């Protein structure tokens, strides 16, 4: 699949996908004769995983470690004590989700307040 189709499927911009390639998080599986990036289903799954980490505040190096644990690539360096690292990342993700839920509650309360003042 070419990058445009991948962008459409993942709802990521072309620029974002290229950036993830530049920093080594997702490398296209191949290139066409014309030099176009070609992605496979596993590449898309990897992008989806990155997309899920982003709103939880994961930094690039943290993303790299999670990807190395959950979706290791041949060139990846082994991670020391992957189970402990994954447990730490899981706890961080749970806390980030709770923080987002708290922000959403505040936003919903404000939206409800505004609705009470809207005259139809």
PDB file of N, CA and C in Angstrom:
ATOM      1  N   UNK A   1       0.834  -1.171   0.000  1.00  0.00           N
ATOM      2  CA  UNK A   1       0.000   0.000   0.000  1.00  0.00           C
ATOM      3  C   UNK A   1       0.890   1.249   0.000  1.00  0.00           C
ATOM      4  N   UNK A   2       0.493   2.254  -0.739  1.00  0.00           N
ATOM      5  CA  UNK A   2       1.260   3.488  -0.753  1.00  0.00           C
ATOM      6  C   UNK A   2       0.844   4.373   0.418  1.00  0.00           C
ATOM      7  N   UNK A   3       1.667   5.371   0.702  1.00  0.00           N
ATOM      8  CA  UNK A   3       1.505   6.196   1.882  1.00  0.00           C
ATOM      9  C   UNK A   3       0.152   6.911   1.937  1.00  0.00           C
ATOM     10  N   UNK A   4      -0.393   7.305   0.800  1.00  0.00           N
ATOM     11  CA  UNK A   4      -1.691   7.980   0.793  1.00  0.00           C
ATOM     12  C   UNK A   4      -2.799   7.100   1.328  1.00  0.00           C
ATOM     13  N   UNK A   5      -2.818   5.852   0.909  1.00  0.00           N
ATOM     14  CA  UNK A   5      -3.824   4.913   1.406  1.00  0.00           C
ATOM     15  C   UNK A   5      -3.611   4.624   2.885  1.00  0.00           C
ATOM     16  N   UNK A   6      -2.353   4.523   3.290  1.00  0.00           N
ATOM     17  CA  UNK A   6      -2.047   4.296   4.705  1.00  0.00           C
ATOM     18  C   UNK A   6      -2.538   5.475   5.541  1.00  0.00           C
ATOM     19  N   UNK A   7      -2.312   6.680   5.058  1.00  0.00           N
ATOM     20  CA  UNK A   7      -2.763   7.877   5.765  1.00  0.00           C
ATOM     21  C   UNK A   7      -4.277   7.872   5.917  1.00  0.00           C
ATOM     22  N   UNK A   8      -4.960   7.505   4.861  1.00  0.00           N
ATOM     23  CA  UNK A   8      -6.419   7.453   4.913  1.00  0.00           C
ATOM     24  C   UNK A   8      -6.897   6.398   5.913  1.00  0.00           C
ATOM     25  N   UNK A   9      -6.300   5.234   5.873  1.00  0.00           N
ATOM     26  CA  UNK A   9      -6.714   4.148   6.776  1.00  0.00           C
ATOM     27  C   UNK A   9      -6.414   4.445   8.229  1.00  0.00           C
ATOM     28  N   UNK A  10      -5.272   5.078   8.494  1.00  0.00           N
ATOM     29  CA  UNK A  10      -4.870   5.321   9.881  1.00  0.00           C
ATOM     30  C   UNK A  10      -5.343   6.669  10.411  1.00  0.00           C
ATOM     31  N   UNK A  11      -5.826   7.532   9.513  1.00  0.00           N
ATOM     32  CA  UNK A  11      -6.211   8.894   9.877  1.00  0.00           C
ATOM     33  C   UNK A  11      -5.017   9.696  10.414  1.00  0.00           C
ATOM     34  N   UNK A  12      -3.836   9.378   9.902  1.00  0.00           N
ATOM     35  CA  UNK A  12      -2.627  10.136  10.201  1.00  0.00           C
ATOM     36  C   UNK A  12      -2.247  10.915   8.955  1.00  0.00           C
ATOM     37  N   UNK A  13      -1.610  12.053   9.140  1.00  0.00           N
ATOM     38  CA  UNK A  13      -1.200  12.838   7.985  1.00  0.00           C
ATOM     39  C   UNK A  13       0.027  12.205   7.325  1.00  0.00           C
ATOM     40  N   UNK A  14       0.230  12.543   6.060  1.00  0.00           N
ATOM     41  CA  UNK A  14       1.423  12.080   5.355  1.00  0.00           C
ATOM     42  C   UNK A  14       2.678  12.536   6.094  1.00  0.00           C
ATOM     43  N   UNK A  15       2.639  13.762   6.549  1.00  0.00           N
ATOM     44  CA  UNK A  15       3.783  14.326   7.269  1.00  0.00           C
ATOM     45  C   UNK A  15       4.087  13.528   8.531  1.00  0.00           C
ATOM     46  N   UNK A  16       3.046  13.149   9.267  1.00  0.00           N
ATOM     47  CA  UNK A  16       3.242  12.375  10.489  1.00  0.00           C
ATOM     48  C   UNK A  16       3.841  11.007  10.183  1.00  0.00           C
ATOM     49  N   UNK A  17       3.322  10.349   9.170  1.00  0.00           N
ATOM     50  CA  UNK A  17       3.838   9.029   8.798  1.00  0.00           C
ATOM     51  C   UNK A  17       5.302   9.144   8.372  1.00  0.00           C
ATOM     52  N   UNK A  18       5.623  10.169   7.601  1.00  0.00           N
ATOM     53  CA  UNK A  18       7.020  10.373   7.188  1.00  0.00           C
ATOM     54  C   UNK A  18       7.906  10.660   8.398  1.00  0.00           C
ATOM     55  N   UNK A  19       7.378  11.422   9.344  1.00  0.00           N
ATOM     56  CA  UNK A  19       8.146  11.722  10.564  1.00  0.00           C
ATOM     57  C   UNK A  19       8.424  10.441  11.343  1.00  0.00           C
ATOM     58  N   UNK A  20       7.414   9.589  11.497  1.00  0.00           N
ATOM     59  CA  UNK A  20       7.629   8.331  12.209  1.00  0.00           C
ATOM     60  C   UNK A  20       8.665   7.467  11.499  1.00  0.00           C
ATOM     61  N   UNK A  21       8.723   7.561  10.188  1.00  0.00           N
ATOM     62  CA  UNK A  21       9.774   6.849   9.452  1.00  0.00           C
ATOM     63  C   UNK A  21      11.131   7.482   9.752  1.00  0.00           C
ATOM     64  N   UNK A  22      11.183   8.807   9.715  1.00  0.00           N
ATOM     65  CA  UNK A  22      12.437   9.539   9.944  1.00  0.00           C
ATOM     66  C   UNK A  22      13.047   9.199  11.299  1.00  0.00           C
ATOM     67  N   UNK A  23      12.202   9.065  12.328  1.00  0.00           N
ATOM     68  CA  UNK A  23      12.713   8.775  13.673  1.00  0.00           C
ATOM     69  C   UNK A  23      12.832   7.274  13.931  1.00  0.00           C
ATOM     70  N   UNK A  24      12.481   6.457  12.938  1.00  0.00           N
ATOM     71  CA  UNK A  24      12.693   5.024  13.038  1.00  0.00           C
ATOM     72  C   UNK A  24      11.616   4.225  13.742  1.00  0.00           C
ATOM     73  N   UNK A  25      10.444   4.813  13.946  1.00  0.00           N
ATOM     74  CA  UNK A  25       9.369   4.060  14.606  1.00  0.00           C
ATOM     75  C   UNK A  25       8.675   3.100  13.647  1.00  0.00           C
ATOM     76  N   UNK A  26       8.463   3.543  12.416  1.00  0.00           N
ATOM     77  CA  UNK A  26       7.832   2.701  11.389  1.00  0.00           C
ATOM     78  C   UNK A  26       8.591   2.921  10.088  1.00  0.00           C
ATOM     79  N   UNK A  27       9.135   1.855   9.580  1.00  0.00           N
ATOM     80  CA  UNK A  27       9.863   1.927   8.318  1.00  0.00           C
ATOM     81  C   UNK A  27       9.049   1.161   7.281  1.00  0.00           C
ATOM     82  N   UNK A  28       8.783   1.774   6.128  1.00  0.00           N
ATOM     83  CA  UNK A  28       8.027   1.055   5.101  1.00  0.00           C
ATOM     84  C   UNK A  28       8.696  -0.278   4.779  1.00  0.00           C
ATOM     85  N   UNK A  29       7.893  -1.283   4.515  1.00  0.00           N
ATOM     86  CA  UNK A  29       8.432  -2.608   4.226  1.00  0.00           C
ATOM     87  C   UNK A  29       9.201  -2.662   2.918  1.00  0.00           C
ATOM     88  N   UNK A  30       8.872  -1.770   1.992  1.00  0.00           N
ATOM     89  CA  UNK A  30       9.536  -1.793   0.685  1.00  0.00           C
ATOM     90  C   UNK A  30       9.363  -0.440   0.011  1.00  0.00           C
ATOM     91  N   UNK A  31       9.981  -0.334  -1.142  1.00  0.00           N
ATOM     92  CA  UNK A  31       9.812   0.831  -2.007  1.00  0.00           C
ATOM     93  C   UNK A  31       9.479   0.316  -3.396  1.00  0.00           C
ATOM     94  N   UNK A  32       8.640   1.070  -4.084  1.00  0.00           N
ATOM     95  CA  UNK A  32       8.282   0.692  -5.454  1.00  0.00           C
ATOM     96  C   UNK A  32       9.450   1.023  -6.379  1.00  0.00           C
ATOM     97  N   UNK A  33       9.311   0.606  -7.646  1.00  0.00           N
ATOM     98  CA  UNK A  33      10.333   0.916  -8.649  1.00  0.00           C
ATOM     99  C   UNK A  33      10.566   2.428  -8.736  1.00  0.00           C
ATOM    100  N   UNK A  34       9.486   3.188  -8.532  1.00  0.00           N
ATOM    101  CA  UNK A  34       9.578   4.643  -8.602  1.00  0.00           C
ATOM    102  C   UNK A  34      10.012   5.296  -7.298  1.00  0.00           C
ATOM    103  N   UNK A  35      10.294   4.496  -6.287  1.00  0.00           N
ATOM    104  CA  UNK A  35      10.757   5.035  -5.012  1.00  0.00           C
ATOM    105  C   UNK A  35       9.655   5.351  -4.019  1.00  0.00           C
ATOM    106  N   UNK A  36       8.406   4.995  -4.338  1.00  0.00           N
ATOM    107  CA  UNK A  36       7.305   5.252  -3.411  1.00  0.00           C
ATOM    108  C   UNK A  36       7.362   4.289  -2.231  1.00  0.00           C
ATOM    109  N   UNK A  37       7.053   4.806  -1.056  1.00  0.00           N
ATOM    110  CA  UNK A  37       7.000   3.955   0.133  1.00  0.00           C
ATOM    111  C   UNK A  37       5.867   2.954  -0.019  1.00  0.00           C
ATOM    112  N   UNK A  38       6.133   1.718   0.367  1.00  0.00           N
ATOM    113  CA  UNK A  38       5.109   0.675   0.340  1.00  0.00           C
ATOM    114  C   UNK A  38       4.976   0.075   1.742  1.00  0.00           C
ATOM    115  N   UNK A  39       3.754   0.028   2.215  1.00  0.00           N
ATOM    116  CA  UNK A  39       3.470  -0.445   3.563  1.00  0.00           C
ATOM    117  C   UNK A  39       2.636  -1.722   3.515  1.00  0.00           C
ATOM    118  N   UNK A  40       2.820  -2.555   4.514  1.00  0.00           N
ATOM    119  CA  UNK A  40       2.065  -3.799   4.653  1.00  0.00           C
ATOM    120  C   UNK A  40       1.103  -3.678   5.820  1.00  0.00           C
ATOM    121  N   UNK A  41       0.254  -4.671   5.991  1.00  0.00           N
ATOM    122  CA  UNK A  41      -0.684  -4.670   7.129  1.00  0.00           C
ATOM    123  C   UNK A  41       0.050  -4.580   8.474  1.00  0.00           C
ATOM    124  N   UNK A  42       1.160  -5.317   8.668  1.00  0.00           N
ATOM    125  CA  UNK A  42       1.892  -5.143   9.936  1.00  0.00           C
ATOM    126  C   UNK A  42       2.413  -3.719  10.140  1.00  0.00           C
ATOM    127  N   UNK A  43       2.791  -3.038   9.068  1.00  0.00           N
ATOM    128  CA  UNK A  43       3.221  -1.643   9.186  1.00  0.00           C
ATOM    129  C   UNK A  43       2.060  -0.769   9.658  1.00  0.00           C
ATOM    130  N   UNK A  44       0.884  -1.019   9.118  1.00  0.00           N
ATOM    131  CA  UNK A  44      -0.304  -0.258   9.521  1.00  0.00           C
ATOM    132  C   UNK A  44      -0.653  -0.550  10.974  1.00  0.00           C
ATOM    133  N   UNK A  45      -0.532  -1.800  11.388  1.00  0.00           N
ATOM    134  CA  UNK A  45      -0.798  -2.151  12.790  1.00  0.00           C
ATOM    135  C   UNK A  45       0.178  -1.416  13.707  1.00  0.00           C
ATOM    136  N   UNK A  46       1.414  -1.297  13.278  1.00  0.00           N
ATOM    137  CA  UNK A  46       2.427  -0.585  14.069  1.00  0.00           C
ATOM    138  C   UNK A  46       2.061   0.908  14.164  1.00  0.00           C
ATOM    139  N   UNK A  47       1.632   1.502  13.062  1.00  0.00           N
ATOM    140  CA  UNK A  47       1.191   2.898  13.085  1.00  0.00           C
ATOM    141  C   UNK A  47      -0.013   3.078  14.008  1.00  0.00           C
ATOM    142  N   UNK A  48      -0.934   2.133  13.976  1.00  0.00           N
ATOM    143  CA  UNK A  48      -2.102   2.212  14.862  1.00  0.00           C
ATOM    144  C   UNK A  48      -1.683   2.158  16.330  1.00  0.00           C
ATOM    145  N   UNK A  49      -0.687   1.351  16.635  1.00  0.00           N
ATOM    146  CA  UNK A  49      -0.182   1.265  18.007  1.00  0.00           C
ATOM    147  C   UNK A  49       0.424   2.599  18.434  1.00  0.00           C
ATOM    148  N   UNK A  50       1.205   3.197  17.555  1.00  0.00           N
ATOM    149  CA  UNK A  50       1.796   4.505  17.840  1.00  0.00           C
ATOM    150  C   UNK A  50       0.692   5.537  18.044  1.00  0.00           C
ATOM    151  N   UNK A  51      -0.313   5.491  17.187  1.00  0.00           N
ATOM    152  CA  UNK A  51      -1.433   6.435  17.261  1.00  0.00           C
ATOM    153  C   UNK A  51      -2.139   6.336  18.615  1.00  0.00           C
ATOM    154  N   UNK A  52      -2.209   5.138  19.173  1.00  0.00           N
ATOM    155  CA  UNK A  52      -2.853   4.950  20.482  1.00  0.00           C
ATOM    156  C   UNK A  52      -1.996   5.481  21.625  1.00  0.00           C
ATOM    157  N   UNK A  53      -0.681   5.462  21.452  1.00  0.00           N
ATOM    158  CA  UNK A  53       0.214   5.942  22.511  1.00  0.00           C
ATOM    159  C   UNK A  53       0.269   7.457  22.576  1.00  0.00           C
ATOM    160  N   UNK A  54       0.145   8.101  21.439  1.00  0.00           N
ATOM    161  CA  UNK A  54       0.336   9.552  21.340  1.00  0.00           C
ATOM    162  C   UNK A  54      -0.551  10.354  22.301  1.00  0.00           C
ATOM    163  N   UNK A  55      -1.872  10.139  22.336  1.00  0.00           N
ATOM    164  CA  UNK A  55      -2.693  10.972  23.231  1.00  0.00           C
ATOM    165  C   UNK A  55      -2.448  10.699  24.713  1.00  0.00           C
ATOM    166  N   UNK A  56      -1.732   9.618  25.012  1.00  0.00           N
ATOM    167  CA  UNK A  56      -1.428   9.305  26.399  1.00  0.00           C
ATOM    168  C   UNK A  56      -0.101   9.917  26.851  1.00  0.00           C
ATOM    169  N   UNK A  57       0.513  10.680  25.960  1.00  0.00           N
ATOM    170  CA  UNK A  57       1.717  11.411  26.322  1.00  0.00           C
ATOM    171  C   UNK A  57       3.016  10.628  26.215  1.00  0.00           C
ATOM    172  N   UNK A  58       2.998   9.491  25.539  1.00  0.00           N
ATOM    173  CA  UNK A  58       4.232   8.728  25.387  1.00  0.00           C
ATOM    174  C   UNK A  58       5.228   9.520  24.547  1.00  0.00           C
ATOM    175  N   UNK A  59       6.461   9.574  25.001  1.00  0.00           N
ATOM    176  CA  UNK A  59       7.536  10.229  24.269  1.00  0.00           C
ATOM    177  C   UNK A  59       8.108   9.249  23.241  1.00  0.00           C
ATOM    178  N   UNK A  60       8.874   9.749  22.281  1.00  0.00           N
ATOM    179  CA  UNK A  60       9.397   8.907  21.203  1.00  0.00           C
ATOM    180  C   UNK A  60      10.179   7.707  21.735  1.00  0.00           C
ATOM    181  N   UNK A  61      11.046   7.923  22.705  1.00  0.00           N
ATOM    182  CA  UNK A  61      11.854   6.813  23.219  1.00  0.00           C
ATOM    183  C   UNK A  61      10.973   5.789  23.936  1.00  0.00           C
ATOM    184  N   UNK A  62       9.945   6.264  24.623  1.00  0.00           N
ATOM    185  CA  UNK A  62       9.010   5.336  25.270  1.00  0.00           C
ATOM    186  C   UNK A  62       8.252   4.532  24.209  1.00  0.00           C
ATOM    187  N   UNK A  63       7.814   5.212  23.150  1.00  0.00           N
ATOM    188  CA  UNK A  63       7.143   4.515  22.055  1.00  0.00           C
ATOM    189  C   UNK A  63       8.056   3.450  21.464  1.00  0.00           C
ATOM    190  N   UNK A  64       9.320   3.807  21.279  1.00  0.00           N
ATOM    191  CA  UNK A  64      10.284   2.876  20.708  1.00  0.00           C
ATOM    192  C   UNK A  64      10.416   1.631  21.586  1.00  0.00           C
ATOM    193  N   UNK A  65      10.487   1.835  22.902  1.00  0.00           N
ATOM    194  CA  UNK A  65      10.593   0.700  23.815  1.00  0.00           C
ATOM    195  C   UNK A  65       9.341  -0.175  23.783  1.00  0.00           C
ATOM    196  N   UNK A  66       8.176   0.449  23.817  1.00  0.00           N
ATOM    197  CA  UNK A  66       6.929  -0.321  23.766  1.00  0.00           C
ATOM    198  C   UNK A  66       6.859  -1.120  22.469  1.00  0.00           C
ATOM    199  N   UNK A  67       7.193  -0.479  21.366  1.00  0.00           N
ATOM    200  CA  UNK A  67       7.179  -1.176  20.079  1.00  0.00           C
ATOM    201  C   UNK A  67       8.178  -2.328  20.057  1.00  0.00           C
ATOM    202  N   UNK A  68       9.343  -2.122  20.649  1.00  0.00           N
ATOM    203  CA  UNK A  68      10.349  -3.187  20.697  1.00  0.00           C
ATOM    204  C   UNK A  68       9.838  -4.375  21.506  1.00  0.00           C
ATOM    205  N   UNK A  69       9.082  -4.104  22.542  1.00  0.00           N
ATOM    206  CA  UNK A  69       8.537  -5.181  23.371  1.00  0.00           C
ATOM    207  C   UNK A  69       7.361  -5.866  22.674  1.00  0.00           C
ATOM    208  N   UNK A  70       6.423  -5.075  22.159  1.00  0.00           N
ATOM    209  CA  UNK A  70       5.193  -5.635  21.600  1.00  0.00           C
ATOM    210  C   UNK A  70       5.305  -6.066  20.141  1.00  0.00           C
ATOM    211  N   UNK A  71       6.178  -5.414  19.387  1.00  0.00           N
ATOM    212  CA  UNK A  71       6.296  -5.696  17.951  1.00  0.00           C
ATOM    213  C   UNK A  71       7.764  -5.613  17.539  1.00  0.00           C
ATOM    214  N   UNK A  72       8.591  -6.522  18.058  1.00  0.00           N
ATOM    215  CA  UNK A  72      10.036  -6.415  17.789  1.00  0.00           C
ATOM    216  C   UNK A  72      10.363  -6.560  16.305  1.00  0.00           C
ATOM    217  N   UNK A  73      11.339  -5.768  15.886  1.00  0.00           N
ATOM    218  CA  UNK A  73      11.848  -5.804  14.518  1.00  0.00           C
ATOM    219  C   UNK A  73      13.261  -6.388  14.565  1.00  0.00           C
ATOM    220  N   UNK A  74      13.748  -6.959  13.472  1.00  0.00           N
ATOM    221  CA  UNK A  74      15.070  -7.598  13.479  1.00  0.00           C
ATOM    222  C   UNK A  74      16.205  -6.694  13.963  1.00  0.00           C
ATOM    223  N   UNK A  75      16.151  -5.409  13.660  1.00  0.00           N
ATOM    224  CA  UNK A  75      17.241  -4.500  14.030  1.00  0.00           C
ATOM    225  C   UNK A  75      17.139  -3.979  15.461  1.00  0.00           C
ATOM    226  N   UNK A  76      16.047  -4.279  16.176  1.00  0.00           N
ATOM    227  CA  UNK A  76      15.850  -3.757  17.533  1.00  0.00           C
ATOM    228  C   UNK A  76      16.849  -4.358  18.519  1.00  0.00           C
ATOM    229  N   UNK A  77      17.299  -3.511  19.444  1.00  0.00           N
ATOM    230  CA  UNK A  77      18.135  -3.970  20.548  1.00  0.00           C
ATOM    231  C   UNK A  77      17.224  -4.553  21.625  1.00  0.00           C
ATOM    232  N   UNK A  78      17.653  -5.650  22.262  1.00  0.00           N
ATOM    233  CA  UNK A  78      16.807  -6.234  23.311  1.00  0.00           C
ATOM    234  C   UNK A  78      16.595  -5.249  24.461  1.00  0.00           C
ATOM    235  N   UNK A  79      15.431  -5.354  25.080  1.00  0.00           N
ATOM    236  CA  UNK A  79      15.069  -4.498  26.218  1.00  0.00           C
ATOM    237  C   UNK A  79      15.313  -5.291  27.496  1.00  0.00           C
ATOM    238  N   UNK A  80      15.997  -4.667  28.465  1.00  0.00           N
ATOM    239  CA  UNK A  80      16.201  -5.313  29.762  1.00  0.00           C
ATOM    240  C   UNK A  80      14.886  -5.372  30.517  1.00  0.00           C
ATOM    241  N   UNK A  81      14.569  -6.526  31.046  1.00  0.00           N
ATOM    242  CA  UNK A  81      13.371  -6.757  31.853  1.00  0.00           C
ATOM    243  C   UNK A  81      12.113  -6.186  31.185  1.00  0.00           C
ATOM    244  N   UNK A  82      11.759  -6.725  30.014  1.00  0.00           N
ATOM    245  CA  UNK A  82      10.612  -6.175  29.276  1.00  0.00           C
ATOM    246  C   UNK A  82       9.303  -6.249  30.059  1.00  0.00           C
ATOM    247  N   UNK A  83       9.115  -7.269  30.881  1.00  0.00           N
ATOM    248  CA  UNK A  83       7.858  -7.379  31.641  1.00  0.00           C
ATOM    249  C   UNK A  83       7.719  -6.222  32.619  1.00  0.00           C
ATOM    250  N   UNK A  84       8.792  -5.860  33.292  1.00  0.00           N
ATOM    251  CA  UNK A  84       8.748  -4.745  34.254  1.00  0.00           C
ATOM    252  C   UNK A  84       8.523  -3.420  33.521  1.00  0.00           C
ATOM    253  N   UNK A  85       9.181  -3.250  32.392  1.00  0.00           N
ATOM    254  CA  UNK A  85       9.004  -2.016  31.610  1.00  0.00           C
ATOM    255  C   UNK A  85       7.567  -1.901  31.112  1.00  0.00           C
ATOM    256  N   UNK A  86       7.029  -3.011  30.631  1.00  0.00           N
ATOM    257  CA  UNK A  86       5.660  -3.001  30.135  1.00  0.00           C
ATOM    258  C   UNK A  86       4.680  -2.704  31.266  1.00  0.00           C
ATOM    259  N   UNK A  87       4.935  -3.242  32.450  1.00  0.00           N
ATOM    260  CA  UNK A  87       4.080  -2.962  33.612  1.00  0.00           C
ATOM    261  C   UNK A  87       4.118  -1.468  33.954  1.00  0.00           C
ATOM    262  N   UNK A  88       5.294  -0.874  33.882  1.00  0.00           N
ATOM    263  CA  UNK A  88       5.424   0.567  34.163  1.00  0.00           C
ATOM    264  C   UNK A  88       4.677   1.383  33.120  1.00  0.00           C
ATOM    265  N   UNK A  89       4.825   1.008  31.839  1.00  0.00           N
ATOM    266  CA  UNK A  89       4.119   1.728  30.778  1.00  0.00           C
ATOM    267  C   UNK A  89       2.607   1.541  30.904  1.00  0.00           C
ATOM    268  N   UNK A  90       2.192   0.370  31.331  1.00  0.00           N
ATOM    269  CA  UNK A  90       0.765   0.122  31.532  1.00  0.00           C
ATOM    270  C   UNK A  90       0.215   1.014  32.636  1.00  0.00           C
ATOM    271  N   UNK A  91       0.941   1.122  33.738  1.00  0.00           N
ATOM    272  CA  UNK A  91       0.509   1.995  34.840  1.00  0.00           C
ATOM    273  C   UNK A  91       0.461   3.451  34.382  1.00  0.00           C
ATOM    274  N   UNK A  92       1.458   3.875  33.615  1.00  0.00           N
ATOM    275  CA  UNK A  92       1.468   5.249  33.095  1.00  0.00           C
ATOM    276  C   UNK A  92       0.271   5.487  32.172  1.00  0.00           C
ATOM    277  N   UNK A  93      -0.041   4.502  31.333  1.00  0.00           N
ATOM    278  CA  UNK A  93      -1.178   4.634  30.416  1.00  0.00           C
ATOM    279  C   UNK A  93      -2.485   4.724  31.197  1.00  0.00           C
ATOM    280  N   UNK A  94      -2.621   3.909  32.237  1.00  0.00           N
ATOM    281  CA  UNK A  94      -3.841   3.962  33.063  1.00  0.00           C
ATOM    282  C   UNK A  94      -3.995   5.332  33.708  1.00  0.00           C
ATOM    283  N   UNK A  95      -2.889   5.891  34.216  1.00  0.00           N
ATOM    284  CA  UNK A  95      -2.950   7.213  34.842  1.00  0.00           C
ATOM    285  C   UNK A  95      -3.300   8.280  33.813  1.00  0.00           C
ATOM    286  N   UNK A  96      -2.711   8.192  32.634  1.00  0.00           N
ATOM    287  CA  UNK A  96      -3.015   9.159  31.578  1.00  0.00           C
ATOM    288  C   UNK A  96      -4.482   9.085  31.178  1.00  0.00           C
ATOM    289  N   UNK A  97      -5.041   7.877  31.120  1.00  0.00           N
ATOM    290  CA  UNK A  97      -6.467   7.717  30.797  1.00  0.00           C
ATOM    291  C   UNK A  97      -7.328   8.371  31.873  1.00  0.00           C
ATOM    292  N   UNK A  98      -6.960   8.177  33.117  1.00  0.00           N
ATOM    293  CA  UNK A  98      -7.735   8.796  34.211  1.00  0.00           C
ATOM    294  C   UNK A  98      -7.663  10.317  34.116  1.00  0.00           C
ATOM    295  N   UNK A  99      -6.493  10.840  33.813  1.00  0.00           N
ATOM    296  CA  UNK A  99      -6.337  12.292  33.657  1.00  0.00           C
ATOM    297  C   UNK A  99      -7.201  12.815  32.508  1.00  0.00           C
ATOM    298  N   UNK A 100      -7.225  12.087  31.401  1.00  0.00           N
ATOM    299  CA  UNK A 100      -8.055  12.489  30.260  1.00  0.00           C
ATOM    300  C   UNK A 100      -9.544  12.430  30.607  1.00  0.00           C
ATOM    301  N   UNK A 101      -9.947  11.387  31.365  1.00  0.00           N
ATOM    302  CA  UNK A 101     -11.356  11.297  31.771  1.00  0.00           C
ATOM    303  C   UNK A 101     -11.740  12.487  32.661  1.00  0.00           C
ATOM    304  N   UNK A 102     -10.846  12.904  33.549  1.00  0.00           N
ATOM    305  CA  UNK A 102     -11.116  14.055  34.411  1.00  0.00           C
ATOM    306  C   UNK A 102     -11.268  15.328  33.576  1.00  0.00           C
ATOM    307  N   UNK A 103     -10.392  15.512  32.604  1.00  0.00           N
ATOM    308  CA  UNK A 103     -10.497  16.679  31.722  1.00  0.00           C
ATOM    309  C   UNK A 103     -11.797  16.643  30.922  1.00  0.00           C
ATOM    310  N   UNK A 104     -12.186  15.468  30.463  1.00  0.00           N
ATOM    311  CA  UNK A 104     -13.427  15.329  29.700  1.00  0.00           C
ATOM    312  C   UNK A 104     -14.632  15.670  30.569  1.00  0.00           C
ATOM    313  N   UNK A 105     -14.626  15.230  31.825  1.00  0.00           N
ATOM    314  CA  UNK A 105     -15.744  15.567  32.725  1.00  0.00           C
ATOM    315  C   UNK A 105     -15.875  17.083  32.877  1.00  0.00           C
ATOM    316  N   UNK A 106     -14.755  17.753  33.035  1.00  0.00           N
ATOM    317  CA  UNK A 106     -14.775  19.217  33.174  1.00  0.00           C
ATOM    318  C   UNK A 106     -15.298  19.853  31.890  1.00  0.00           C
ATOM    319  N   UNK A 107     -14.837  19.385  30.754  1.00  0.00           N
ATOM    320  CA  UNK A 107     -15.283  19.937  29.470  1.00  0.00           C
ATOM    321  C   UNK A 107     -16.773  19.694  29.259  1.00  0.00           C
ATOM    322  N   UNK A 108     -17.253  18.497  29.617  1.00  0.00           N
ATOM    323  CA  UNK A 108     -18.685  18.202  29.460  1.00  0.00           C
ATOM    324  C   UNK A 108     -19.533  19.068  30.385  1.00  0.00           C
ATOM    325  N   UNK A 109     -19.052  19.318  31.596  1.00  0.00           N
ATOM    326  CA  UNK A 109     -19.782  20.199  32.513  1.00  0.00           C
ATOM    327  C   UNK A 109     -19.881  21.608  31.933  1.00  0.00           C
ATOM    328  N   UNK A 110     -18.789  22.086  31.360  1.00  0.00           N
ATOM    329  CA  UNK A 110     -18.794  23.416  30.765  1.00  0.00           C
ATOM    330  C   UNK A 110     -19.730  23.473  29.562  1.00  0.00           C
ATOM    331  N   UNK A 111     -19.687  22.455  28.696  1.00  0.00           N
ATOM    332  CA  UNK A 111     -20.571  22.419  27.533  1.00  0.00           C
ATOM    333  C   UNK A 111     -22.034  22.401  27.984  1.00  0.00           C
ATOM    334  N   UNK A 112     -22.334  21.665  29.046  1.00  0.00           N
ATOM    335  CA  UNK A 112     -23.702  21.621  29.571  1.00  0.00           C
ATOM    336  C   UNK A 112     -24.112  22.997  30.094  1.00  0.00           C
ATOM    337  N   UNK A 113     -23.197  23.671  30.762  1.00  0.00           N
ATOM    338  CA  UNK A 113     -23.481  25.015  31.259  1.00  0.00           C
ATOM    339  C   UNK A 113     -23.787  25.956  30.095  1.00  0.00           C
ATOM    340  N   UNK A 114     -23.006  25.887  29.047  1.00  0.00           N
ATOM    341  CA  UNK A 114     -23.254  26.739  27.881  1.00  0.00           C
ATOM    342  C   UNK A 114     -24.606  26.425  27.243  1.00  0.00           C
ATOM    343  N   UNK A 115     -24.962  25.146  27.178  1.00  0.00           N
ATOM    344  CA  UNK A 115     -26.261  24.769  26.575  1.00  0.00           C
ATOM    345  C   UNK A 115     -27.416  25.388  27.332  1.00  0.00           C
ATOM    346  N   UNK A 116     -27.272  25.549  28.639  1.00  0.00           N
ATOM    347  CA  UNK A 116     -28.364  26.140  29.420  1.00  0.00           C
ATOM    348  C   UNK A 116     -28.557  27.609  29.103  1.00  0.00           C
ATOM    349  N   UNK A 117     -27.527  28.231  28.517  1.00  0.00           N
ATOM    350  CA  UNK A 117     -27.603  29.659  28.208  1.00  0.00           C
ATOM    351  C   UNK A 117     -27.907  29.939  26.742  1.00  0.00           C
ATOM    352  N   UNK A 118     -27.993  28.902  25.942  1.00  0.00           N
ATOM    353  CA  UNK A 118     -28.270  29.088  24.517  1.00  0.00           C
ATOM    354  C   UNK A 118     -29.776  29.238  24.333  1.00  0.00           C
ATOM    355  N   UNK A 119     -30.150  30.324  23.657  1.00  0.00           N
ATOM    356  CA  UNK A 119     -31.562  30.565  23.378  1.00  0.00           C
ATOM    357  C   UNK A 119     -31.832  30.051  21.969  1.00  0.00           C
ATOM    358  N   UNK A 120     -32.797  29.153  21.853  1.00  0.00           N
ATOM    359  CA  UNK A 120     -33.108  28.578  20.537  1.00  0.00           C
ATOM    360  C   UNK A 120     -33.906  29.512  19.684  1.00  0.00           C
TER     361      UNK A 120
END
